[in-house]
Structures are given as C-alpha cells and as structure tokens.
C-alpha cells in the first residue's frame, strides 16, 4: 500500500492539456492499470480484444471485448487483462468542451452514483463507434488544421451514441435518474467532505428535504441521508484498502474531528470496524 492513491493527470504538454488518445497493444504492457489509481479527467476505455477484470470503486466488472467502460473524474479503478489484449482510451477534461456545452452532464454513465458505467455493444454497434474512434486517431496523428473541432465532433458522436445504447441496455440494468437526482449526486461528490447537512443540499436544489427524500427513495431505493453517508463510506473504504494511513489519519482526512466518532460511523454503516474491514479486504485481495 502507499500513503496516497495515485492521481493521474493528462500530459502537461500544452496541446494535450485537455485531451489525450492512448492505444494499448496485445503483447505489450504499455497500458498497465493493474494498480489502483484515479484520474483528474474523464476516461472512456474501449476494450477491443481480450478478457479480464475491471474493478471500479470496489465493484468488479468482467471484461469481454468488445466493451466500453466510462470513468468520471476521481473514480478509483484498476484493470487486470489477460494476454493478448488490445484497446484504446480517450482522456479528456470538462474544459475540452465549450463552456456552454452540457453534453457531459447528460451522460448517465458519468454519474458518480452509477454502479454500472459499462456498455456492452454488439459487433455492429461497436463497429460504428470504433469508426468514429478511428477518425479521432487519424486526426490526432496527422494534426490537420481543424484537428480539435474534428476530434471534439467525433467524441460527441461517440458520447451521444453511447448514451442511446446505454439507455436501451439500461432497460434491464440501469434506471435513468432524474435531473434533480443527477444534481444531488454532483453536489454530494463536491461537498461530502464538508459534511453538509441534508438541508444544505435541499436548499441548493431549491426543494424541500422531504421531497428530496421522496425522489431518492423512488429512484435510488435509499434515503437522501443514506446516499450522503454512502459517499463518505466509499471515501473511507478507498483509503483503508489503497493507502497505509492509520484510522486516525483517515478520520482527519475525511474531516471527522473525532476519530472515535468516525469509527462508530463506519461500523454502523459497514457492520465492522475500519481495522477489521481493512484486514478482511487485504486478505481477500
């Protein structure tokens, strides 16, 4: 374990500060994502060939190409692929799109509360998306005058088609959340370490606490408070499993002023103390 979970950034080179294109190959270990890490950017992972396991915030997902996985900013994940394998990654920040664009906020697979940010297209569907991906690759490598507009346009096509296929696929796997629940999820992601009260979230959404609870129970099968607590527990689990920080250090990093209160909070939510949880998880890894 390390003292921090690695946070990867897009290349600092000026032309790549908001976007990057990666291609990883069958017999080479250029793309080594087997250690837990997180990103300061959005990532779309295209599994072109191969099989393996992709763990996203403690949830394991079987990989069987073709498949497309989506990662919003900050998600901890790791990928273990069996050789041979091949694929691509698109890395981009929100700043890559025009300020007035709302496209990322419309993508259900980029919602932080979404436990299944996975698309399993058939061969024909994947071929269409890969054709747009190859247009991006060509522009990325040849550097035409309209490079960024070309890349942005084809990335938008990939996102919009993925959204369409995802919502169709989601009839069995995923129920699309309302705009209020999406906004609530975004607020939780932004403010959970500040330990906002439920009233603060409701006020920012311009709705009442009871109505927010009704929506959460209807669409997420959890109360609003449970969703807030779940995000704090998730942050605690990450640090317990992926860092060597002490329980006291983790409590303070999550802005719990009293470590003993943090231990009681964690045990109530998870059913075991932080130390017991850490020991069990490390034994199973």
C-alpha atoms as a PDB file:
ATOM      1  CA  UNK A   1       0.000   0.000   0.000  1.00  0.00           C
ATOM      2  CA  UNK A   2       1.014   3.621  -0.440  1.00  0.00           C
ATOM      3  CA  UNK A   3       0.235   6.757   1.504  1.00  0.00           C
ATOM      4  CA  UNK A   4      -1.977   8.097  -1.285  1.00  0.00           C
ATOM      5  CA  UNK A   5      -3.972   6.713  -4.163  1.00  0.00           C
ATOM      6  CA  UNK A   6      -2.149   7.865  -7.326  1.00  0.00           C
ATOM      7  CA  UNK A   7      -3.940  10.686  -9.141  1.00  0.00           C
ATOM      8  CA  UNK A   8      -3.140  10.697 -12.868  1.00  0.00           C
ATOM      9  CA  UNK A   9      -3.236  13.887 -14.923  1.00  0.00           C
ATOM     10  CA  UNK A  10      -3.387  14.414 -18.670  1.00  0.00           C
ATOM     11  CA  UNK A  11       0.033  15.221 -20.182  1.00  0.00           C
ATOM     12  CA  UNK A  12       1.187  18.698 -19.281  1.00  0.00           C
ATOM     13  CA  UNK A  13       2.199  19.369 -22.882  1.00  0.00           C
ATOM     14  CA  UNK A  14       0.215  22.395 -23.992  1.00  0.00           C
ATOM     15  CA  UNK A  15      -1.636  20.812 -26.912  1.00  0.00           C
ATOM     16  CA  UNK A  16      -2.602  17.811 -24.763  1.00  0.00           C
ATOM     17  CA  UNK A  17      -3.648  19.638 -21.610  1.00  0.00           C
ATOM     18  CA  UNK A  18      -7.343  18.845 -22.161  1.00  0.00           C
ATOM     19  CA  UNK A  19      -7.292  15.712 -24.321  1.00  0.00           C
ATOM     20  CA  UNK A  20      -5.218  12.597 -24.927  1.00  0.00           C
ATOM     21  CA  UNK A  21      -5.512   9.451 -27.039  1.00  0.00           C
ATOM     22  CA  UNK A  22      -3.967   6.139 -25.956  1.00  0.00           C
ATOM     23  CA  UNK A  23      -3.690   2.874 -27.812  1.00  0.00           C
ATOM     24  CA  UNK A  24      -2.572  -0.230 -25.947  1.00  0.00           C
ATOM     25  CA  UNK A  25      -1.405  -3.383 -27.640  1.00  0.00           C
ATOM     26  CA  UNK A  26      -1.868  -7.133 -27.475  1.00  0.00           C
ATOM     27  CA  UNK A  27       1.506  -8.374 -26.273  1.00  0.00           C
ATOM     28  CA  UNK A  28       2.973  -5.283 -24.681  1.00  0.00           C
ATOM     29  CA  UNK A  29       2.395  -3.978 -21.183  1.00  0.00           C
ATOM     30  CA  UNK A  30       2.347  -0.318 -22.198  1.00  0.00           C
ATOM     31  CA  UNK A  31      -1.061   0.123 -20.618  1.00  0.00           C
ATOM     32  CA  UNK A  32      -0.507  -1.018 -17.036  1.00  0.00           C
ATOM     33  CA  UNK A  33      -3.505  -0.045 -14.967  1.00  0.00           C
ATOM     34  CA  UNK A  34      -3.354  -3.021 -12.603  1.00  0.00           C
ATOM     35  CA  UNK A  35      -2.511  -0.820  -9.583  1.00  0.00           C
ATOM     36  CA  UNK A  36      -5.399   1.178  -8.064  1.00  0.00           C
ATOM     37  CA  UNK A  37      -5.404   4.756  -9.314  1.00  0.00           C
ATOM     38  CA  UNK A  38      -7.726   7.633 -10.121  1.00  0.00           C
ATOM     39  CA  UNK A  39      -7.872  10.381 -12.730  1.00  0.00           C
ATOM     40  CA  UNK A  40      -8.152  14.144 -12.830  1.00  0.00           C
ATOM     41  CA  UNK A  41     -10.086  13.707 -16.077  1.00  0.00           C
ATOM     42  CA  UNK A  42     -12.837  11.701 -17.755  1.00  0.00           C
ATOM     43  CA  UNK A  43     -11.842   8.452 -19.430  1.00  0.00           C
ATOM     44  CA  UNK A  44     -13.545   6.185 -21.943  1.00  0.00           C
ATOM     45  CA  UNK A  45     -11.903   2.762 -22.155  1.00  0.00           C
ATOM     46  CA  UNK A  46     -12.507   0.728 -25.323  1.00  0.00           C
ATOM     47  CA  UNK A  47     -11.755  -2.974 -24.889  1.00  0.00           C
ATOM     48  CA  UNK A  48     -11.133  -4.042 -28.475  1.00  0.00           C
ATOM     49  CA  UNK A  49      -9.804  -7.555 -27.825  1.00  0.00           C
ATOM     50  CA  UNK A  50      -9.308  -9.734 -24.785  1.00  0.00           C
ATOM     51  CA  UNK A  51     -10.849 -10.598 -21.436  1.00  0.00           C
ATOM     52  CA  UNK A  52     -10.158  -9.616 -17.864  1.00  0.00           C
ATOM     53  CA  UNK A  53     -11.459  -7.791 -14.828  1.00  0.00           C
ATOM     54  CA  UNK A  54     -12.075  -4.082 -14.291  1.00  0.00           C
ATOM     55  CA  UNK A  55     -12.656  -3.015 -10.690  1.00  0.00           C
ATOM     56  CA  UNK A  56     -14.322   0.376 -10.220  1.00  0.00           C
ATOM     57  CA  UNK A  57     -14.686   1.586  -6.634  1.00  0.00           C
ATOM     58  CA  UNK A  58     -14.666  -1.976  -5.243  1.00  0.00           C
ATOM     59  CA  UNK A  59     -17.178  -3.246  -7.798  1.00  0.00           C
ATOM     60  CA  UNK A  60     -15.648  -5.901 -10.115  1.00  0.00           C
ATOM     61  CA  UNK A  61     -16.806  -5.942 -13.739  1.00  0.00           C
ATOM     62  CA  UNK A  62     -15.979  -8.790 -16.075  1.00  0.00           C
ATOM     63  CA  UNK A  63     -14.431  -7.592 -19.335  1.00  0.00           C
ATOM     64  CA  UNK A  64     -15.203  -9.386 -22.564  1.00  0.00           C
ATOM     65  CA  UNK A  65     -14.454  -7.458 -25.736  1.00  0.00           C
ATOM     66  CA  UNK A  66     -15.981  -5.568 -27.334  1.00  0.00           C
ATOM     67  CA  UNK A  67     -16.867  -3.403 -24.359  1.00  0.00           C
ATOM     68  CA  UNK A  68     -16.768   0.279 -23.430  1.00  0.00           C
ATOM     69  CA  UNK A  69     -16.269   1.492 -19.852  1.00  0.00           C
ATOM     70  CA  UNK A  70     -16.746   5.061 -18.626  1.00  0.00           C
ATOM     71  CA  UNK A  71     -14.913   6.749 -15.744  1.00  0.00           C
ATOM     72  CA  UNK A  72     -15.771  10.185 -14.349  1.00  0.00           C
ATOM     73  CA  UNK A  73     -13.203  12.305 -12.540  1.00  0.00           C
ATOM     74  CA  UNK A  74     -11.924  10.808  -9.293  1.00  0.00           C
ATOM     75  CA  UNK A  75     -13.129   7.196  -9.542  1.00  0.00           C
ATOM     76  CA  UNK A  76     -10.621   4.669  -8.177  1.00  0.00           C
ATOM     77  CA  UNK A  77     -10.153   1.740 -10.524  1.00  0.00           C
ATOM     78  CA  UNK A  78      -7.756  -0.938 -11.691  1.00  0.00           C
ATOM     79  CA  UNK A  79      -7.691  -3.179 -14.756  1.00  0.00           C
ATOM     80  CA  UNK A  80      -6.314  -6.718 -14.996  1.00  0.00           C
ATOM     81  CA  UNK A  81      -6.372  -8.072 -18.554  1.00  0.00           C
ATOM     82  CA  UNK A  82      -5.329 -11.482 -19.804  1.00  0.00           C
ATOM     83  CA  UNK A  83      -2.852 -11.525 -22.686  1.00  0.00           C
ATOM     84  CA  UNK A  84      -3.337 -11.000 -25.529  1.00  0.00           C
ATOM     85  CA  UNK A  85      -5.426  -7.854 -25.367  1.00  0.00           C
ATOM     86  CA  UNK A  86      -5.875  -4.582 -27.237  1.00  0.00           C
ATOM     87  CA  UNK A  87      -7.789  -1.385 -26.804  1.00  0.00           C
ATOM     88  CA  UNK A  88      -7.924   2.383 -26.672  1.00  0.00           C
ATOM     89  CA  UNK A  89      -8.524   5.134 -24.133  1.00  0.00           C
ATOM     90  CA  UNK A  90      -9.843   8.641 -24.637  1.00  0.00           C
ATOM     91  CA  UNK A  91      -8.861  11.046 -21.855  1.00  0.00           C
ATOM     92  CA  UNK A  92     -10.414  14.492 -21.650  1.00  0.00           C
ATOM     93  CA  UNK A  93     -11.330  17.178 -19.161  1.00  0.00           C
ATOM     94  CA  UNK A  94     -14.608  19.077 -18.992  1.00  0.00           C
ATOM     95  CA  UNK A  95     -12.689  22.064 -20.353  1.00  0.00           C
ATOM     96  CA  UNK A  96     -12.249  20.244 -23.664  1.00  0.00           C
ATOM     97  CA  UNK A  97     -15.868  21.063 -24.493  1.00  0.00           C
ATOM     98  CA  UNK A  98     -17.178  24.623 -24.938  1.00  0.00           C
ATOM     99  CA  UNK A  99     -18.295  26.220 -21.703  1.00  0.00           C
ATOM    100  CA  UNK A 100     -21.912  26.343 -22.841  1.00  0.00           C
ATOM    101  CA  UNK A 101     -21.938  22.638 -23.705  1.00  0.00           C
ATOM    102  CA  UNK A 102     -23.934  20.433 -21.344  1.00  0.00           C
ATOM    103  CA  UNK A 103     -23.014  17.163 -23.026  1.00  0.00           C
ATOM    104  CA  UNK A 104     -21.085  15.604 -20.129  1.00  0.00           C
ATOM    105  CA  UNK A 105     -23.849  16.342 -17.645  1.00  0.00           C
ATOM    106  CA  UNK A 106     -26.297  14.468 -19.881  1.00  0.00           C
ATOM    107  CA  UNK A 107     -24.305  11.223 -19.839  1.00  0.00           C
ATOM    108  CA  UNK A 108     -25.789   8.734 -17.326  1.00  0.00           C
ATOM    109  CA  UNK A 109     -22.618   6.604 -17.261  1.00  0.00           C
ATOM    110  CA  UNK A 110     -20.586   9.552 -15.908  1.00  0.00           C
ATOM    111  CA  UNK A 111     -22.787   9.944 -12.813  1.00  0.00           C
ATOM    112  CA  UNK A 112     -20.742   9.223  -9.692  1.00  0.00           C
ATOM    113  CA  UNK A 113     -23.544   7.289  -8.023  1.00  0.00           C
ATOM    114  CA  UNK A 114     -23.899   4.983 -11.015  1.00  0.00           C
ATOM    115  CA  UNK A 115     -22.605   1.491 -10.049  1.00  0.00           C
ATOM    116  CA  UNK A 116     -22.662   0.173 -13.644  1.00  0.00           C
ATOM    117  CA  UNK A 117     -20.830   2.557 -16.038  1.00  0.00           C
ATOM    118  CA  UNK A 118     -20.452  -0.219 -18.599  1.00  0.00           C
ATOM    119  CA  UNK A 119     -21.641  -0.530 -22.194  1.00  0.00           C
ATOM    120  CA  UNK A 120     -21.735  -3.940 -23.907  1.00  0.00           C
ATOM    121  CA  UNK A 121     -22.416  -3.214 -27.593  1.00  0.00           C
ATOM    122  CA  UNK A 122     -22.882  -5.912 -30.196  1.00  0.00           C
ATOM    123  CA  UNK A 123     -20.350  -6.174 -33.020  1.00  0.00           C
ATOM    124  CA  UNK A 124     -22.291  -3.878 -35.358  1.00  0.00           C
ATOM    125  CA  UNK A 125     -22.821  -1.210 -32.695  1.00  0.00           C
ATOM    126  CA  UNK A 126     -19.185  -1.350 -31.667  1.00  0.00           C
ATOM    127  CA  UNK A 127     -18.023  -1.118 -35.302  1.00  0.00           C
ATOM    128  CA  UNK A 128     -19.922   2.172 -35.725  1.00  0.00           C
ATOM    129  CA  UNK A 129     -18.411   3.651 -32.573  1.00  0.00           C
ATOM    130  CA  UNK A 130     -14.937   2.368 -33.463  1.00  0.00           C
ATOM    131  CA  UNK A 131     -15.196   4.058 -36.883  1.00  0.00           C
ATOM    132  CA  UNK A 132     -15.600   7.413 -35.108  1.00  0.00           C
ATOM    133  CA  UNK A 133     -12.777   6.453 -32.758  1.00  0.00           C
ATOM    134  CA  UNK A 134     -10.506   5.831 -35.761  1.00  0.00           C
ATOM    135  CA  UNK A 135     -11.413   9.269 -37.119  1.00  0.00           C
ATOM    136  CA  UNK A 136     -10.184  10.696 -33.809  1.00  0.00           C
ATOM    137  CA  UNK A 137      -6.991   8.635 -34.047  1.00  0.00           C
ATOM    138  CA  UNK A 138      -6.322   9.852 -37.595  1.00  0.00           C
ATOM    139  CA  UNK A 139      -6.798  13.498 -36.631  1.00  0.00           C
ATOM    140  CA  UNK A 140      -4.685  13.020 -33.505  1.00  0.00           C
ATOM    141  CA  UNK A 141      -1.793  11.586 -35.511  1.00  0.00           C
ATOM    142  CA  UNK A 142      -1.932  13.758 -38.636  1.00  0.00           C
ATOM    143  CA  UNK A 143      -2.572  17.088 -36.918  1.00  0.00           C
ATOM    144  CA  UNK A 144      -4.864  18.746 -39.533  1.00  0.00           C
ATOM    145  CA  UNK A 145      -5.841  22.409 -39.279  1.00  0.00           C
ATOM    146  CA  UNK A 146      -9.273  21.539 -37.867  1.00  0.00           C
ATOM    147  CA  UNK A 147      -7.854  18.846 -35.550  1.00  0.00           C
ATOM    148  CA  UNK A 148      -9.612  19.875 -32.349  1.00  0.00           C
ATOM    149  CA  UNK A 149     -13.002  20.538 -33.933  1.00  0.00           C
ATOM    150  CA  UNK A 150     -12.773  17.176 -35.719  1.00  0.00           C
ATOM    151  CA  UNK A 151     -11.864  15.337 -32.507  1.00  0.00           C
ATOM    152  CA  UNK A 152     -14.493  17.148 -30.463  1.00  0.00           C
ATOM    153  CA  UNK A 153     -17.195  16.393 -33.037  1.00  0.00           C
ATOM    154  CA  UNK A 154     -16.426  12.672 -33.190  1.00  0.00           C
ATOM    155  CA  UNK A 155     -16.070  12.423 -29.423  1.00  0.00           C
ATOM    156  CA  UNK A 156     -19.532  13.994 -29.147  1.00  0.00           C
ATOM    157  CA  UNK A 157     -20.885  11.403 -31.595  1.00  0.00           C
ATOM    158  CA  UNK A 158     -19.358   8.601 -29.515  1.00  0.00           C
ATOM    159  CA  UNK A 159     -20.886  10.004 -26.326  1.00  0.00           C
ATOM    160  CA  UNK A 160     -24.337  10.540 -27.818  1.00  0.00           C
ATOM    161  CA  UNK A 161     -24.467   7.098 -29.451  1.00  0.00           C
ATOM    162  CA  UNK A 162     -23.165   5.508 -26.251  1.00  0.00           C
ATOM    163  CA  UNK A 163     -25.882   7.289 -24.297  1.00  0.00           C
ATOM    164  CA  UNK A 164     -28.530   5.979 -26.698  1.00  0.00           C
ATOM    165  CA  UNK A 165     -27.244   2.400 -26.480  1.00  0.00           C
ATOM    166  CA  UNK A 166     -26.737   2.679 -22.717  1.00  0.00           C
ATOM    167  CA  UNK A 167     -30.302   3.789 -22.104  1.00  0.00           C
ATOM    168  CA  UNK A 168     -31.594   0.950 -24.258  1.00  0.00           C
ATOM    169  CA  UNK A 169     -29.333  -1.513 -22.447  1.00  0.00           C
ATOM    170  CA  UNK A 170     -30.386   0.054 -19.161  1.00  0.00           C
ATOM    171  CA  UNK A 171     -33.975  -1.099 -19.532  1.00  0.00           C
ATOM    172  CA  UNK A 172     -32.720  -4.200 -17.749  1.00  0.00           C
ATOM    173  CA  UNK A 173     -29.693  -2.885 -15.835  1.00  0.00           C
ATOM    174  CA  UNK A 174     -29.983   0.801 -15.090  1.00  0.00           C
ATOM    175  CA  UNK A 175     -32.846   3.196 -14.469  1.00  0.00           C
ATOM    176  CA  UNK A 176     -32.092   6.694 -15.726  1.00  0.00           C
ATOM    177  CA  UNK A 177     -32.066   9.235 -12.918  1.00  0.00           C
ATOM    178  CA  UNK A 178     -33.978  12.496 -12.982  1.00  0.00           C
ATOM    179  CA  UNK A 179     -32.181  15.791 -13.366  1.00  0.00           C
ATOM    180  CA  UNK A 180     -32.648  16.608  -9.668  1.00  0.00           C
ATOM    181  CA  UNK A 181     -31.060  13.322  -8.596  1.00  0.00           C
ATOM    182  CA  UNK A 182     -28.168  13.924 -11.001  1.00  0.00           C
ATOM    183  CA  UNK A 183     -27.653  17.377  -9.500  1.00  0.00           C
ATOM    184  CA  UNK A 184     -27.882  15.937  -5.986  1.00  0.00           C
ATOM    185  CA  UNK A 185     -25.229  13.339  -6.874  1.00  0.00           C
ATOM    186  CA  UNK A 186     -22.972  16.075  -8.216  1.00  0.00           C
ATOM    187  CA  UNK A 187     -23.409  18.109  -5.029  1.00  0.00           C
ATOM    188  CA  UNK A 188     -22.594  15.078  -2.880  1.00  0.00           C
ATOM    189  CA  UNK A 189     -19.438  14.481  -4.896  1.00  0.00           C
ATOM    190  CA  UNK A 190     -18.405  18.103  -4.445  1.00  0.00           C
ATOM    191  CA  UNK A 191     -19.331  18.627  -0.783  1.00  0.00           C
ATOM    192  CA  UNK A 192     -19.329  15.266   1.041  1.00  0.00           C
ATOM    193  CA  UNK A 193     -16.007  16.059   2.749  1.00  0.00           C
ATOM    194  CA  UNK A 194     -17.533  19.270   4.080  1.00  0.00           C
ATOM    195  CA  UNK A 195     -20.186  17.183   5.871  1.00  0.00           C
ATOM    196  CA  UNK A 196     -23.042  19.239   4.504  1.00  0.00           C
ATOM    197  CA  UNK A 197     -26.365  18.784   6.241  1.00  0.00           C
ATOM    198  CA  UNK A 198     -29.315  17.486   4.254  1.00  0.00           C
ATOM    199  CA  UNK A 199     -30.866  20.963   4.488  1.00  0.00           C
ATOM    200  CA  UNK A 200     -27.866  22.471   2.693  1.00  0.00           C
ATOM    201  CA  UNK A 201     -28.279  20.049  -0.210  1.00  0.00           C
ATOM    202  CA  UNK A 202     -32.032  20.641  -0.402  1.00  0.00           C
ATOM    203  CA  UNK A 203     -31.576  24.423  -0.280  1.00  0.00           C
ATOM    204  CA  UNK A 204     -29.054  24.277  -3.132  1.00  0.00           C
ATOM    205  CA  UNK A 205     -31.538  22.266  -5.180  1.00  0.00           C
ATOM    206  CA  UNK A 206     -34.369  24.673  -4.280  1.00  0.00           C
ATOM    207  CA  UNK A 207     -36.560  21.847  -2.973  1.00  0.00           C
ATOM    208  CA  UNK A 208     -37.656  20.678   0.459  1.00  0.00           C
ATOM    209  CA  UNK A 209     -35.905  17.930   2.424  1.00  0.00           C
ATOM    210  CA  UNK A 210     -38.993  15.662   2.401  1.00  0.00           C
ATOM    211  CA  UNK A 211     -39.361  15.977  -1.378  1.00  0.00           C
ATOM    212  CA  UNK A 212     -35.661  15.196  -1.885  1.00  0.00           C
ATOM    213  CA  UNK A 213     -36.106  12.097   0.249  1.00  0.00           C
ATOM    214  CA  UNK A 214     -39.130  11.005  -1.773  1.00  0.00           C
ATOM    215  CA  UNK A 215     -37.162  11.309  -5.025  1.00  0.00           C
ATOM    216  CA  UNK A 216     -34.147   9.448  -3.626  1.00  0.00           C
ATOM    217  CA  UNK A 217     -36.226   6.569  -2.298  1.00  0.00           C
ATOM    218  CA  UNK A 218     -38.145   6.335  -5.571  1.00  0.00           C
ATOM    219  CA  UNK A 219     -35.139   6.421  -7.895  1.00  0.00           C
ATOM    220  CA  UNK A 220     -32.276   5.072  -5.763  1.00  0.00           C
ATOM    221  CA  UNK A 221     -34.092   2.932  -3.157  1.00  0.00           C
ATOM    222  CA  UNK A 222     -32.203   4.874  -0.492  1.00  0.00           C
ATOM    223  CA  UNK A 223     -32.922   7.990   1.536  1.00  0.00           C
ATOM    224  CA  UNK A 224     -31.051  11.207   0.775  1.00  0.00           C
ATOM    225  CA  UNK A 225     -29.090  10.863   4.013  1.00  0.00           C
ATOM    226  CA  UNK A 226     -28.106   7.304   3.143  1.00  0.00           C
ATOM    227  CA  UNK A 227     -26.725   8.466  -0.210  1.00  0.00           C
ATOM    228  CA  UNK A 228     -24.657  11.140   1.536  1.00  0.00           C
ATOM    229  CA  UNK A 229     -23.352   8.656   4.093  1.00  0.00           C
ATOM    230  CA  UNK A 230     -22.617   6.096   1.378  1.00  0.00           C
ATOM    231  CA  UNK A 231     -20.267   8.541  -0.354  1.00  0.00           C
ATOM    232  CA  UNK A 232     -18.338   9.163   2.868  1.00  0.00           C
ATOM    233  CA  UNK A 233     -18.086   5.416   3.476  1.00  0.00           C
ATOM    234  CA  UNK A 234     -16.819   4.930  -0.069  1.00  0.00           C
ATOM    235  CA  UNK A 235     -14.082   7.520   0.521  1.00  0.00           C
ATOM    236  CA  UNK A 236     -13.140   5.784   3.779  1.00  0.00           C
ATOM    237  CA  UNK A 237     -13.010   2.362   2.110  1.00  0.00           C
ATOM    238  CA  UNK A 238     -10.692   3.660  -0.582  1.00  0.00           C
ATOM    239  CA  UNK A 239      -8.212   4.948   1.968  1.00  0.00           C
ATOM    240  CA  UNK A 240      -8.434   1.840   4.149  1.00  0.00           C
ATOM    241  CA  UNK A 241      -7.726  -0.515   1.262  1.00  0.00           C
ATOM    242  CA  UNK A 242      -5.486   1.515  -1.016  1.00  0.00           C
ATOM    243  CA  UNK A 243      -3.344   3.500   1.465  1.00  0.00           C
ATOM    244  CA  UNK A 244      -1.344   2.750   4.597  1.00  0.00           C
ATOM    245  CA  UNK A 245      -2.825   5.695   6.516  1.00  0.00           C
ATOM    246  CA  UNK A 246      -3.833   4.985  10.097  1.00  0.00           C
ATOM    247  CA  UNK A 247      -7.511   5.059  11.039  1.00  0.00           C
ATOM    248  CA  UNK A 248      -6.861   8.308  12.888  1.00  0.00           C
ATOM    249  CA  UNK A 249      -5.216   9.861   9.814  1.00  0.00           C
ATOM    250  CA  UNK A 250      -8.094   8.711   7.623  1.00  0.00           C
ATOM    251  CA  UNK A 251     -10.640  10.174  10.034  1.00  0.00           C
ATOM    252  CA  UNK A 252      -8.953  13.577   9.940  1.00  0.00           C
ATOM    253  CA  UNK A 253      -8.511  13.463   6.144  1.00  0.00           C
ATOM    254  CA  UNK A 254     -12.281  12.951   5.856  1.00  0.00           C
ATOM    255  CA  UNK A 255     -12.846  15.912   8.211  1.00  0.00           C
ATOM    256  CA  UNK A 256     -14.045  13.884  11.188  1.00  0.00           C
ATOM    257  CA  UNK A 257     -12.803  15.858  14.197  1.00  0.00           C
ATOM    258  CA  UNK A 258     -13.108  12.843  16.487  1.00  0.00           C
ATOM    259  CA  UNK A 259     -11.576   9.549  15.284  1.00  0.00           C
ATOM    260  CA  UNK A 260     -13.733   7.577  17.706  1.00  0.00           C
ATOM    261  CA  UNK A 261     -16.848   9.073  16.125  1.00  0.00           C
ATOM    262  CA  UNK A 262     -15.506   8.124  12.692  1.00  0.00           C
ATOM    263  CA  UNK A 263     -15.031   4.526  13.897  1.00  0.00           C
ATOM    264  CA  UNK A 264     -18.616   4.401  15.221  1.00  0.00           C
ATOM    265  CA  UNK A 265     -19.936   5.935  11.981  1.00  0.00           C
ATOM    266  CA  UNK A 266     -18.040   3.430   9.822  1.00  0.00           C
ATOM    267  CA  UNK A 267     -19.069   0.437  11.947  1.00  0.00           C
ATOM    268  CA  UNK A 268     -22.729   1.486  11.827  1.00  0.00           C
ATOM    269  CA  UNK A 269     -22.653   1.792   8.024  1.00  0.00           C
ATOM    270  CA  UNK A 270     -20.471  -1.204   7.178  1.00  0.00           C
ATOM    271  CA  UNK A 271     -21.016  -3.598  10.056  1.00  0.00           C
ATOM    272  CA  UNK A 272     -17.364  -3.851  11.068  1.00  0.00           C
ATOM    273  CA  UNK A 273     -14.709  -1.511  12.409  1.00  0.00           C
ATOM    274  CA  UNK A 274     -12.298   0.193   9.982  1.00  0.00           C
ATOM    275  CA  UNK A 275      -9.400  -2.034  11.056  1.00  0.00           C
ATOM    276  CA  UNK A 276     -11.410  -5.239  10.705  1.00  0.00           C
ATOM    277  CA  UNK A 277     -12.662  -4.132   7.298  1.00  0.00           C
ATOM    278  CA  UNK A 278      -9.096  -3.342   6.160  1.00  0.00           C
ATOM    279  CA  UNK A 279      -7.761  -6.698   7.343  1.00  0.00           C
ATOM    280  CA  UNK A 280     -10.541  -8.613   5.626  1.00  0.00           C
ATOM    281  CA  UNK A 281     -10.216  -6.752   2.340  1.00  0.00           C
ATOM    282  CA  UNK A 282      -6.426  -7.102   2.204  1.00  0.00           C
ATOM    283  CA  UNK A 283      -6.704 -10.798   2.979  1.00  0.00           C
ATOM    284  CA  UNK A 284      -9.134 -11.275   0.083  1.00  0.00           C
ATOM    285  CA  UNK A 285      -7.090  -9.268  -2.467  1.00  0.00           C
END
